[in-house]
Amino acid sequence: MTVYLDGPVRPALGRAVRRESEPWLPWLIGRYAATAEPVTDLESLTGHLQRRRLLTLSVLAEYSWDVVIVEDADSRSTEDTLALVSRHSGSAVCPAAQASGRRFSSRRSP
């Protein structure tokens, strides 16, 4: 089973900078600088990570992996997330797959 912690990219980057310290953001931008779509600043990094999110969700949909998507992971405690993952079952449509008409097994947060 894959647990996908989903949430808005920009606030997640802000939390990561506060947690990791200011030099972390330039390091991360540099890590992705040589990608097919060059990353040069916070705005392009945010766009890049949003596109990677969509790619990840489409791969999960393509291969019908058993996935729990926690859509509001940024506002949940660790305990709440674990409880949510533990109790969910069923089938749902992945947003990225919905456009292509594909379905995959998922347990989604309410």
PDB file of N, CA and C in Angstrom:
ATOM      1  N   MET A   1       0.841  -1.163   0.000  1.00  0.00           N
ATOM      2  CA  MET A   1       0.000   0.000   0.000  1.00  0.00           C
ATOM      3  C   MET A   1       0.896   1.240   0.000  1.00  0.00           C
ATOM      4  N   THR A   2       0.488   2.247  -0.762  1.00  0.00           N
ATOM      5  CA  THR A   2       1.182   3.525  -0.797  1.00  0.00           C
ATOM      6  C   THR A   2       0.309   4.561  -0.109  1.00  0.00           C
ATOM      7  N   VAL A   3       0.901   5.333   0.779  1.00  0.00           N
ATOM      8  CA  VAL A   3       0.197   6.455   1.414  1.00  0.00           C
ATOM      9  C   VAL A   3       0.749   7.720   0.789  1.00  0.00           C
ATOM     10  N   TYR A   4      -0.138   8.471   0.125  1.00  0.00           N
ATOM     11  CA  TYR A   4       0.269   9.701  -0.552  1.00  0.00           C
ATOM     12  C   TYR A   4      -0.235  10.889   0.266  1.00  0.00           C
ATOM     13  N   LEU A   5       0.699  11.605   0.880  1.00  0.00           N
ATOM     14  CA  LEU A   5       0.357  12.788   1.659  1.00  0.00           C
ATOM     15  C   LEU A   5       0.288  13.976   0.722  1.00  0.00           C
ATOM     16  N   ASP A   6      -0.913  14.459   0.480  1.00  0.00           N
ATOM     17  CA  ASP A   6      -1.144  15.498  -0.506  1.00  0.00           C
ATOM     18  C   ASP A   6      -1.488  16.824   0.184  1.00  0.00           C
ATOM     19  N   GLY A   7      -1.135  17.899  -0.468  1.00  0.00           N
ATOM     20  CA  GLY A   7      -1.449  19.227   0.036  1.00  0.00           C
ATOM     21  C   GLY A   7      -0.854  20.275  -0.877  1.00  0.00           C
ATOM     22  N   PRO A   8      -1.167  21.523  -0.631  1.00  0.00           N
ATOM     23  CA  PRO A   8      -0.652  22.607  -1.470  1.00  0.00           C
ATOM     24  C   PRO A   8       0.881  22.689  -1.407  1.00  0.00           C
ATOM     25  N   VAL A   9       1.502  22.873  -2.565  1.00  0.00           N
ATOM     26  CA  VAL A   9       2.963  22.863  -2.665  1.00  0.00           C
ATOM     27  C   VAL A   9       3.596  24.067  -1.973  1.00  0.00           C
ATOM     28  N   ARG A  10       3.112  25.265  -2.261  1.00  0.00           N
ATOM     29  CA  ARG A  10       3.767  26.477  -1.735  1.00  0.00           C
ATOM     30  C   ARG A  10       3.833  26.478  -0.207  1.00  0.00           C
ATOM     31  N   PRO A  11       2.710  26.225   0.503  1.00  0.00           N
ATOM     32  CA  PRO A  11       2.823  26.179   1.967  1.00  0.00           C
ATOM     33  C   PRO A  11       3.746  25.072   2.462  1.00  0.00           C
ATOM     34  N   ALA A  12       3.782  23.938   1.746  1.00  0.00           N
ATOM     35  CA  ALA A  12       4.682  22.845   2.141  1.00  0.00           C
ATOM     36  C   ALA A  12       6.136  23.282   2.023  1.00  0.00           C
ATOM     37  N   LEU A  13       6.448  24.021   0.965  1.00  0.00           N
ATOM     38  CA  LEU A  13       7.813  24.533   0.820  1.00  0.00           C
ATOM     39  C   LEU A  13       8.148  25.509   1.947  1.00  0.00           C
ATOM     40  N   GLY A  14       7.187  26.353   2.311  1.00  0.00           N
ATOM     41  CA  GLY A  14       7.404  27.290   3.427  1.00  0.00           C
ATOM     42  C   GLY A  14       7.696  26.560   4.724  1.00  0.00           C
ATOM     43  N   ARG A  15       6.924  25.496   5.002  1.00  0.00           N
ATOM     44  CA  ARG A  15       7.169  24.706   6.218  1.00  0.00           C
ATOM     45  C   ARG A  15       8.545  24.055   6.170  1.00  0.00           C
ATOM     46  N   ALA A  16       8.917  23.546   5.003  1.00  0.00           N
ATOM     47  CA  ALA A  16      10.223  22.892   4.864  1.00  0.00           C
ATOM     48  C   ALA A  16      11.365  23.881   5.091  1.00  0.00           C
ATOM     49  N   VAL A  17      11.226  25.095   4.584  1.00  0.00           N
ATOM     50  CA  VAL A  17      12.271  26.110   4.791  1.00  0.00           C
ATOM     51  C   VAL A  17      12.394  26.427   6.278  1.00  0.00           C
ATOM     52  N   ARG A  18      11.269  26.575   6.965  1.00  0.00           N
ATOM     53  CA  ARG A  18      11.316  26.840   8.415  1.00  0.00           C
ATOM     54  C   ARG A  18      11.952  25.675   9.168  1.00  0.00           C
ATOM     55  N   ARG A  19      11.658  24.463   8.737  1.00  0.00           N
ATOM     56  CA  ARG A  19      12.177  23.276   9.409  1.00  0.00           C
ATOM     57  C   ARG A  19      13.656  23.052   9.095  1.00  0.00           C
ATOM     58  N   GLU A  20      14.050  23.236   7.834  1.00  0.00           N
ATOM     59  CA  GLU A  20      15.401  22.883   7.385  1.00  0.00           C
ATOM     60  C   GLU A  20      16.396  24.033   7.445  1.00  0.00           C
ATOM     61  N   SER A  21      15.941  25.241   7.525  1.00  0.00           N
ATOM     62  CA  SER A  21      16.736  26.477   7.552  1.00  0.00           C
ATOM     63  C   SER A  21      16.791  27.115   6.165  1.00  0.00           C
ATOM     64  N   GLU A  22      17.106  28.353   6.127  1.00  0.00           N
ATOM     65  CA  GLU A  22      17.075  29.154   4.899  1.00  0.00           C
ATOM     66  C   GLU A  22      17.939  28.607   3.756  1.00  0.00           C
ATOM     67  N   PRO A  23      19.150  28.075   4.007  1.00  0.00           N
ATOM     68  CA  PRO A  23      19.976  27.572   2.889  1.00  0.00           C
ATOM     69  C   PRO A  23      19.360  26.382   2.146  1.00  0.00           C
ATOM     70  N   TRP A  24      18.373  25.739   2.738  1.00  0.00           N
ATOM     71  CA  TRP A  24      17.776  24.560   2.116  1.00  0.00           C
ATOM     72  C   TRP A  24      17.079  24.902   0.796  1.00  0.00           C
ATOM     73  N   LEU A  25      16.373  26.021   0.727  1.00  0.00           N
ATOM     74  CA  LEU A  25      15.638  26.366  -0.487  1.00  0.00           C
ATOM     75  C   LEU A  25      16.561  26.563  -1.688  1.00  0.00           C
ATOM     76  N   PRO A  26      17.640  27.340  -1.575  1.00  0.00           N
ATOM     77  CA  PRO A  26      18.563  27.429  -2.723  1.00  0.00           C
ATOM     78  C   PRO A  26      19.153  26.073  -3.115  1.00  0.00           C
ATOM     79  N   TRP A  27      19.414  25.218  -2.115  1.00  0.00           N
ATOM     80  CA  TRP A  27      19.916  23.875  -2.416  1.00  0.00           C
ATOM     81  C   TRP A  27      18.890  23.100  -3.243  1.00  0.00           C
ATOM     82  N   LEU A  28      17.610  23.154  -2.845  1.00  0.00           N
ATOM     83  CA  LEU A  28      16.568  22.422  -3.564  1.00  0.00           C
ATOM     84  C   LEU A  28      16.373  22.974  -4.971  1.00  0.00           C
ATOM     85  N   ILE A  29      16.392  24.280  -5.112  1.00  0.00           N
ATOM     86  CA  ILE A  29      16.290  24.898  -6.440  1.00  0.00           C
ATOM     87  C   ILE A  29      17.447  24.406  -7.310  1.00  0.00           C
ATOM     88  N   GLY A  30      18.653  24.369  -6.748  1.00  0.00           N
ATOM     89  CA  GLY A  30      19.818  23.876  -7.487  1.00  0.00           C
ATOM     90  C   GLY A  30      19.684  22.420  -7.875  1.00  0.00           C
ATOM     91  N   ARG A  31      19.070  21.636  -7.022  1.00  0.00           N
ATOM     92  CA  ARG A  31      18.876  20.209  -7.310  1.00  0.00           C
ATOM     93  C   ARG A  31      18.043  20.010  -8.569  1.00  0.00           C
ATOM     94  N   TYR A  32      17.048  20.864  -8.776  1.00  0.00           N
ATOM     95  CA  TYR A  32      16.163  20.730  -9.939  1.00  0.00           C
ATOM     96  C   TYR A  32      16.532  21.673 -11.082  1.00  0.00           C
ATOM     97  N   ALA A  33      17.604  22.414 -10.950  1.00  0.00           N
ATOM     98  CA  ALA A  33      17.970  23.416 -11.957  1.00  0.00           C
ATOM     99  C   ALA A  33      18.219  22.821 -13.339  1.00  0.00           C
ATOM    100  N   ALA A  34      18.701  21.615 -13.397  1.00  0.00           N
ATOM    101  CA  ALA A  34      19.057  21.013 -14.685  1.00  0.00           C
ATOM    102  C   ALA A  34      17.946  20.138 -15.264  1.00  0.00           C
ATOM    103  N   THR A  35      16.743  20.256 -14.739  1.00  0.00           N
ATOM    104  CA  THR A  35      15.646  19.450 -15.265  1.00  0.00           C
ATOM    105  C   THR A  35      15.198  19.987 -16.618  1.00  0.00           C
ATOM    106  N   ALA A  36      14.344  19.233 -17.274  1.00  0.00           N
ATOM    107  CA  ALA A  36      13.859  19.623 -18.610  1.00  0.00           C
ATOM    108  C   ALA A  36      13.172  20.993 -18.580  1.00  0.00           C
ATOM    109  N   GLU A  37      12.541  21.307 -17.480  1.00  0.00           N
ATOM    110  CA  GLU A  37      11.931  22.620 -17.301  1.00  0.00           C
ATOM    111  C   GLU A  37      12.725  23.314 -16.197  1.00  0.00           C
ATOM    112  N   PRO A  38      13.682  24.134 -16.547  1.00  0.00           N
ATOM    113  CA  PRO A  38      14.615  24.693 -15.561  1.00  0.00           C
ATOM    114  C   PRO A  38      13.923  25.338 -14.357  1.00  0.00           C
ATOM    115  N   VAL A  39      14.473  25.036 -13.207  1.00  0.00           N
ATOM    116  CA  VAL A  39      14.002  25.606 -11.942  1.00  0.00           C
ATOM    117  C   VAL A  39      15.025  26.649 -11.515  1.00  0.00           C
ATOM    118  N   THR A  40      14.562  27.892 -11.375  1.00  0.00           N
ATOM    119  CA  THR A  40      15.482  28.988 -11.064  1.00  0.00           C
ATOM    120  C   THR A  40      15.089  29.793  -9.831  1.00  0.00           C
ATOM    121  N   ASP A  41      13.841  29.611  -9.358  1.00  0.00           N
ATOM    122  CA  ASP A  41      13.359  30.388  -8.217  1.00  0.00           C
ATOM    123  C   ASP A  41      12.182  29.666  -7.572  1.00  0.00           C
ATOM    124  N   LEU A  42      11.628  30.275  -6.536  1.00  0.00           N
ATOM    125  CA  LEU A  42      10.527  29.651  -5.807  1.00  0.00           C
ATOM    126  C   LEU A  42       9.326  29.394  -6.715  1.00  0.00           C
ATOM    127  N   GLU A  43       9.015  30.326  -7.579  1.00  0.00           N
ATOM    128  CA  GLU A  43       7.863  30.176  -8.478  1.00  0.00           C
ATOM    129  C   GLU A  43       8.038  28.982  -9.423  1.00  0.00           C
ATOM    130  N   SER A  44       9.203  28.866 -10.058  1.00  0.00           N
ATOM    131  CA  SER A  44       9.418  27.747 -10.985  1.00  0.00           C
ATOM    132  C   SER A  44       9.540  26.421 -10.225  1.00  0.00           C
ATOM    133  N   LEU A  45      10.082  26.446  -9.003  1.00  0.00           N
ATOM    134  CA  LEU A  45      10.149  25.242  -8.180  1.00  0.00           C
ATOM    135  C   LEU A  45       8.739  24.770  -7.830  1.00  0.00           C
ATOM    136  N   THR A  46       7.875  25.709  -7.447  1.00  0.00           N
ATOM    137  CA  THR A  46       6.491  25.362  -7.118  1.00  0.00           C
ATOM    138  C   THR A  46       5.803  24.717  -8.320  1.00  0.00           C
ATOM    139  N   GLY A  47       5.945  25.313  -9.493  1.00  0.00           N
ATOM    140  CA  GLY A  47       5.354  24.743 -10.700  1.00  0.00           C
ATOM    141  C   GLY A  47       5.893  23.358 -11.013  1.00  0.00           C
ATOM    142  N   HIS A  48       7.195  23.196 -10.865  1.00  0.00           N
ATOM    143  CA  HIS A  48       7.834  21.906 -11.124  1.00  0.00           C
ATOM    144  C   HIS A  48       7.272  20.830 -10.191  1.00  0.00           C
ATOM    145  N   LEU A  49       7.174  21.146  -8.907  1.00  0.00           N
ATOM    146  CA  LEU A  49       6.681  20.162  -7.939  1.00  0.00           C
ATOM    147  C   LEU A  49       5.195  19.870  -8.156  1.00  0.00           C
ATOM    148  N   GLN A  50       4.431  20.848  -8.606  1.00  0.00           N
ATOM    149  CA  GLN A  50       3.020  20.605  -8.916  1.00  0.00           C
ATOM    150  C   GLN A  50       2.893  19.655 -10.109  1.00  0.00           C
ATOM    151  N   ARG A  51       3.738  19.829 -11.110  1.00  0.00           N
ATOM    152  CA  ARG A  51       3.720  18.919 -12.261  1.00  0.00           C
ATOM    153  C   ARG A  51       4.170  17.511 -11.856  1.00  0.00           C
ATOM    154  N   ARG A  52       5.144  17.417 -10.977  1.00  0.00           N
ATOM    155  CA  ARG A  52       5.594  16.100 -10.486  1.00  0.00           C
ATOM    156  C   ARG A  52       4.480  15.410  -9.704  1.00  0.00           C
ATOM    157  N   ARG A  53       3.698  16.188  -8.959  1.00  0.00           N
ATOM    158  CA  ARG A  53       2.552  15.648  -8.227  1.00  0.00           C
ATOM    159  C   ARG A  53       1.575  14.999  -9.201  1.00  0.00           C
ATOM    160  N   LEU A  54       1.239  15.722 -10.266  1.00  0.00           N
ATOM    161  CA  LEU A  54       0.304  15.186 -11.259  1.00  0.00           C
ATOM    162  C   LEU A  54       0.865  13.934 -11.929  1.00  0.00           C
ATOM    163  N   LEU A  55       2.160  13.934 -12.213  1.00  0.00           N
ATOM    164  CA  LEU A  55       2.798  12.768 -12.809  1.00  0.00           C
ATOM    165  C   LEU A  55       2.724  11.568 -11.866  1.00  0.00           C
ATOM    166  N   THR A  56       3.025  11.798 -10.602  1.00  0.00           N
ATOM    167  CA  THR A  56       2.970  10.722  -9.611  1.00  0.00           C
ATOM    168  C   THR A  56       1.567  10.137  -9.530  1.00  0.00           C
ATOM    169  N   LEU A  57       0.555  11.000  -9.448  1.00  0.00           N
ATOM    170  CA  LEU A  57      -0.817  10.515  -9.361  1.00  0.00           C
ATOM    171  C   LEU A  57      -1.224   9.759 -10.626  1.00  0.00           C
ATOM    172  N   SER A  58      -0.752  10.203 -11.778  1.00  0.00           N
ATOM    173  CA  SER A  58      -1.105   9.491 -13.008  1.00  0.00           C
ATOM    174  C   SER A  58      -0.418   8.125 -13.078  1.00  0.00           C
ATOM    175  N   VAL A  59       0.812   8.022 -12.578  1.00  0.00           N
ATOM    176  CA  VAL A  59       1.500   6.722 -12.542  1.00  0.00           C
ATOM    177  C   VAL A  59       0.774   5.784 -11.585  1.00  0.00           C
ATOM    178  N   LEU A  60       0.381   6.293 -10.431  1.00  0.00           N
ATOM    179  CA  LEU A  60      -0.371   5.470  -9.486  1.00  0.00           C
ATOM    180  C   LEU A  60      -1.670   4.978 -10.119  1.00  0.00           C
ATOM    181  N   ALA A  61      -2.333   5.840 -10.876  1.00  0.00           N
ATOM    182  CA  ALA A  61      -3.580   5.464 -11.547  1.00  0.00           C
ATOM    183  C   ALA A  61      -3.322   4.440 -12.650  1.00  0.00           C
ATOM    184  N   GLU A  62      -2.273   4.631 -13.411  1.00  0.00           N
ATOM    185  CA  GLU A  62      -1.958   3.757 -14.540  1.00  0.00           C
ATOM    186  C   GLU A  62      -1.728   2.313 -14.098  1.00  0.00           C
ATOM    187  N   TYR A  63      -1.064   2.136 -12.983  1.00  0.00           N
ATOM    188  CA  TYR A  63      -0.687   0.799 -12.551  1.00  0.00           C
ATOM    189  C   TYR A  63      -1.581   0.236 -11.452  1.00  0.00           C
ATOM    190  N   SER A  64      -2.676   0.909 -11.167  1.00  0.00           N
ATOM    191  CA  SER A  64      -3.692   0.412 -10.218  1.00  0.00           C
ATOM    192  C   SER A  64      -3.100   0.010  -8.868  1.00  0.00           C
ATOM    193  N   TRP A  65      -2.208   0.818  -8.363  1.00  0.00           N
ATOM    194  CA  TRP A  65      -1.633   0.535  -7.056  1.00  0.00           C
ATOM    195  C   TRP A  65      -2.652   0.811  -5.960  1.00  0.00           C
ATOM    196  N   ASP A  66      -2.503   0.113  -4.862  1.00  0.00           N
ATOM    197  CA  ASP A  66      -3.354   0.330  -3.698  1.00  0.00           C
ATOM    198  C   ASP A  66      -2.831   1.585  -2.995  1.00  0.00           C
ATOM    199  N   VAL A  67      -3.589   2.668  -3.059  1.00  0.00           N
ATOM    200  CA  VAL A  67      -3.130   3.968  -2.582  1.00  0.00           C
ATOM    201  C   VAL A  67      -4.136   4.578  -1.616  1.00  0.00           C
ATOM    202  N   VAL A  68      -3.624   5.130  -0.540  1.00  0.00           N
ATOM    203  CA  VAL A  68      -4.421   5.968   0.349  1.00  0.00           C
ATOM    204  C   VAL A  68      -3.943   7.390   0.112  1.00  0.00           C
ATOM    205  N   ILE A  69      -4.834   8.240  -0.388  1.00  0.00           N
ATOM    206  CA  ILE A  69      -4.486   9.643  -0.611  1.00  0.00           C
ATOM    207  C   ILE A  69      -5.046  10.460   0.545  1.00  0.00           C
ATOM    208  N   VAL A  70      -4.158  11.087   1.286  1.00  0.00           N
ATOM    209  CA  VAL A  70      -4.560  11.961   2.388  1.00  0.00           C
ATOM    210  C   VAL A  70      -4.485  13.383   1.840  1.00  0.00           C
ATOM    211  N   GLU A  71      -5.639  13.889   1.406  1.00  0.00           N
ATOM    212  CA  GLU A  71      -5.665  15.147   0.664  1.00  0.00           C
ATOM    213  C   GLU A  71      -5.306  16.373   1.496  1.00  0.00           C
ATOM    214  N   ASP A  72      -5.598  16.353   2.758  1.00  0.00           N
ATOM    215  CA  ASP A  72      -5.335  17.515   3.603  1.00  0.00           C
ATOM    216  C   ASP A  72      -4.260  17.199   4.634  1.00  0.00           C
ATOM    217  N   ALA A  73      -3.205  16.553   4.176  1.00  0.00           N
ATOM    218  CA  ALA A  73      -2.152  16.087   5.076  1.00  0.00           C
ATOM    219  C   ALA A  73      -1.504  17.220   5.851  1.00  0.00           C
ATOM    220  N   ASP A  74      -1.469  18.409   5.270  1.00  0.00           N
ATOM    221  CA  ASP A  74      -0.826  19.540   5.937  1.00  0.00           C
ATOM    222  C   ASP A  74      -1.588  20.017   7.163  1.00  0.00           C
ATOM    223  N   SER A  75      -2.855  19.656   7.291  1.00  0.00           N
ATOM    224  CA  SER A  75      -3.640  20.116   8.432  1.00  0.00           C
ATOM    225  C   SER A  75      -3.940  18.993   9.424  1.00  0.00           C
ATOM    226  N   ARG A  76      -3.361  17.826   9.229  1.00  0.00           N
ATOM    227  CA  ARG A  76      -3.613  16.679  10.108  1.00  0.00           C
ATOM    228  C   ARG A  76      -2.402  16.389  10.998  1.00  0.00           C
ATOM    229  N   SER A  77      -2.693  15.900  12.194  1.00  0.00           N
ATOM    230  CA  SER A  77      -1.618  15.433  13.062  1.00  0.00           C
ATOM    231  C   SER A  77      -1.175  14.050  12.577  1.00  0.00           C
ATOM    232  N   THR A  78      -0.025  13.615  13.038  1.00  0.00           N
ATOM    233  CA  THR A  78       0.465  12.288  12.690  1.00  0.00           C
ATOM    234  C   THR A  78      -0.514  11.220  13.142  1.00  0.00           C
ATOM    235  N   GLU A  79      -1.030  11.374  14.346  1.00  0.00           N
ATOM    236  CA  GLU A  79      -1.970  10.395  14.893  1.00  0.00           C
ATOM    237  C   GLU A  79      -3.244  10.330  14.055  1.00  0.00           C
ATOM    238  N   ASP A  80      -3.764  11.501  13.659  1.00  0.00           N
ATOM    239  CA  ASP A  80      -4.972  11.554  12.847  1.00  0.00           C
ATOM    240  C   ASP A  80      -4.740  10.908  11.483  1.00  0.00           C
ATOM    241  N   THR A  81      -3.589  11.172  10.895  1.00  0.00           N
ATOM    242  CA  THR A  81      -3.261  10.578   9.596  1.00  0.00           C
ATOM    243  C   THR A  81      -3.168   9.066   9.702  1.00  0.00           C
ATOM    244  N   LEU A  82      -2.511   8.563  10.730  1.00  0.00           N
ATOM    245  CA  LEU A  82      -2.405   7.114  10.919  1.00  0.00           C
ATOM    246  C   LEU A  82      -3.776   6.478  11.127  1.00  0.00           C
ATOM    247  N   ALA A  83      -4.626   7.143  11.915  1.00  0.00           N
ATOM    248  CA  ALA A  83      -5.971   6.624  12.138  1.00  0.00           C
ATOM    249  C   ALA A  83      -6.770   6.599  10.833  1.00  0.00           C
ATOM    250  N   LEU A  84      -6.649   7.659  10.047  1.00  0.00           N
ATOM    251  CA  LEU A  84      -7.346   7.744   8.764  1.00  0.00           C
ATOM    252  C   LEU A  84      -6.917   6.611   7.834  1.00  0.00           C
ATOM    253  N   VAL A  85      -5.622   6.410   7.714  1.00  0.00           N
ATOM    254  CA  VAL A  85      -5.097   5.368   6.834  1.00  0.00           C
ATOM    255  C   VAL A  85      -5.546   3.993   7.321  1.00  0.00           C
ATOM    256  N   SER A  86      -5.569   3.801   8.618  1.00  0.00           N
ATOM    257  CA  SER A  86      -5.944   2.508   9.185  1.00  0.00           C
ATOM    258  C   SER A  86      -7.389   2.135   8.910  1.00  0.00           C
ATOM    259  N   ARG A  87      -8.282   3.107   8.846  1.00  0.00           N
ATOM    260  CA  ARG A  87      -9.705   2.770   8.738  1.00  0.00           C
ATOM    261  C   ARG A  87     -10.293   2.861   7.332  1.00  0.00           C
ATOM    262  N   HIS A  88      -9.560   3.382   6.370  1.00  0.00           N
ATOM    263  CA  HIS A  88     -10.141   3.567   5.036  1.00  0.00           C
ATOM    264  C   HIS A  88      -9.989   2.353   4.136  1.00  0.00           C
ATOM    265  N   SER A  89     -11.038   2.120   3.378  1.00  0.00           N
ATOM    266  CA  SER A  89     -11.006   1.075   2.353  1.00  0.00           C
ATOM    267  C   SER A  89     -12.006   1.458   1.279  1.00  0.00           C
ATOM    268  N   GLY A  90     -11.925   0.802   0.133  1.00  0.00           N
ATOM    269  CA  GLY A  90     -12.850   1.090  -0.954  1.00  0.00           C
ATOM    270  C   GLY A  90     -12.121   1.524  -2.202  1.00  0.00           C
ATOM    271  N   SER A  91     -12.869   2.033  -3.165  1.00  0.00           N
ATOM    272  CA  SER A  91     -12.312   2.443  -4.443  1.00  0.00           C
ATOM    273  C   SER A  91     -12.731   3.870  -4.736  1.00  0.00           C
ATOM    274  N   ALA A  92     -11.814   4.651  -5.257  1.00  0.00           N
ATOM    275  CA  ALA A  92     -12.092   6.046  -5.588  1.00  0.00           C
ATOM    276  C   ALA A  92     -11.373   6.399  -6.878  1.00  0.00           C
ATOM    277  N   VAL A  93     -11.737   7.506  -7.437  1.00  0.00           N
ATOM    278  CA  VAL A  93     -11.109   7.961  -8.671  1.00  0.00           C
ATOM    279  C   VAL A  93      -9.989   8.921  -8.331  1.00  0.00           C
ATOM    280  N   CYS A  94      -8.823   8.689  -8.905  1.00  0.00           N
ATOM    281  CA  CYS A  94      -7.687   9.595  -8.763  1.00  0.00           C
ATOM    282  C   CYS A  94      -7.964  10.824  -9.615  1.00  0.00           C
ATOM    283  N   PRO A  95      -7.783  12.063  -9.100  1.00  0.00           N
ATOM    284  CA  PRO A  95      -8.040  13.252  -9.905  1.00  0.00           C
ATOM    285  C   PRO A  95      -7.284  13.261 -11.231  1.00  0.00           C
ATOM    286  N   ALA A  96      -6.037  12.820 -11.230  1.00  0.00           N
ATOM    287  CA  ALA A  96      -5.258  12.801 -12.471  1.00  0.00           C
ATOM    288  C   ALA A  96      -5.810  11.763 -13.432  1.00  0.00           C
ATOM    289  N   ALA A  97      -6.329  10.668 -12.886  1.00  0.00           N
ATOM    290  CA  ALA A  97      -6.864   9.605 -13.737  1.00  0.00           C
ATOM    291  C   ALA A  97      -8.255   9.943 -14.233  1.00  0.00           C
ATOM    292  N   GLN A  98      -8.981  10.765 -13.500  1.00  0.00           N
ATOM    293  CA  GLN A  98     -10.344  11.100 -13.873  1.00  0.00           C
ATOM    294  C   GLN A  98     -10.390  11.709 -15.270  1.00  0.00           C
ATOM    295  N   ALA A  99      -9.427  12.564 -15.570  1.00  0.00           N
ATOM    296  CA  ALA A  99      -9.393  13.207 -16.878  1.00  0.00           C
ATOM    297  C   ALA A  99      -9.164  12.186 -17.987  1.00  0.00           C
ATOM    298  N   SER A 100      -8.405  11.134 -17.684  1.00  0.00           N
ATOM    299  CA  SER A 100      -8.121  10.131 -18.708  1.00  0.00           C
ATOM    300  C   SER A 100      -9.136   9.000 -18.690  1.00  0.00           C
ATOM    301  N   GLY A 101     -10.052   9.019 -17.718  1.00  0.00           N
ATOM    302  CA  GLY A 101     -11.058   7.974 -17.617  1.00  0.00           C
ATOM    303  C   GLY A 101     -10.568   6.726 -16.929  1.00  0.00           C
ATOM    304  N   ARG A 102      -9.357   6.752 -16.369  1.00  0.00           N
ATOM    305  CA  ARG A 102      -8.808   5.590 -15.680  1.00  0.00           C
ATOM    306  C   ARG A 102      -9.189   5.631 -14.206  1.00  0.00           C
ATOM    307  N   ARG A 103      -9.295   4.438 -13.613  1.00  0.00           N
ATOM    308  CA  ARG A 103      -9.595   4.328 -12.183  1.00  0.00           C
ATOM    309  C   ARG A 103      -8.461   3.557 -11.515  1.00  0.00           C
ATOM    310  N   PHE A 104      -8.316   3.770 -10.231  1.00  0.00           N
ATOM    311  CA  PHE A 104      -7.370   2.954  -9.497  1.00  0.00           C
ATOM    312  C   PHE A 104      -7.867   2.771  -8.081  1.00  0.00           C
ATOM    313  N   SER A 105      -7.402   1.724  -7.451  1.00  0.00           N
ATOM    314  CA  SER A 105      -7.817   1.416  -6.088  1.00  0.00           C
ATOM    315  C   SER A 105      -7.215   2.453  -5.153  1.00  0.00           C
ATOM    316  N   SER A 106      -8.068   3.076  -4.375  1.00  0.00           N
ATOM    317  CA  SER A 106      -7.589   4.123  -3.492  1.00  0.00           C
ATOM    318  C   SER A 106      -8.477   4.204  -2.269  1.00  0.00           C
ATOM    319  N   ARG A 107      -7.897   4.631  -1.224  1.00  0.00           N
ATOM    320  CA  ARG A 107      -8.660   4.984  -0.028  1.00  0.00           C
ATOM    321  C   ARG A 107      -8.375   6.449   0.222  1.00  0.00           C
ATOM    322  N   ARG A 108      -9.393   7.270   0.095  1.00  0.00           N
ATOM    323  CA  ARG A 108      -9.206   8.725   0.161  1.00  0.00           C
ATOM    324  C   ARG A 108      -9.722   9.267   1.482  1.00  0.00           C
ATOM    325  N   SER A 109      -9.123  10.376   1.884  1.00  0.00           N
ATOM    326  CA  SER A 109      -9.601  11.046   3.090  1.00  0.00           C
ATOM    327  C   SER A 109     -10.972  11.644   2.822  1.00  0.00           C
ATOM    328  N   PRO A 110     -11.812  11.788   3.892  1.00  0.00           N
ATOM    329  CA  PRO A 110     -13.157  12.353   3.678  1.00  0.00           C
ATOM    330  C   PRO A 110     -13.110  13.817   3.310  1.00  0.00           C
TER     331      PRO A 110
END
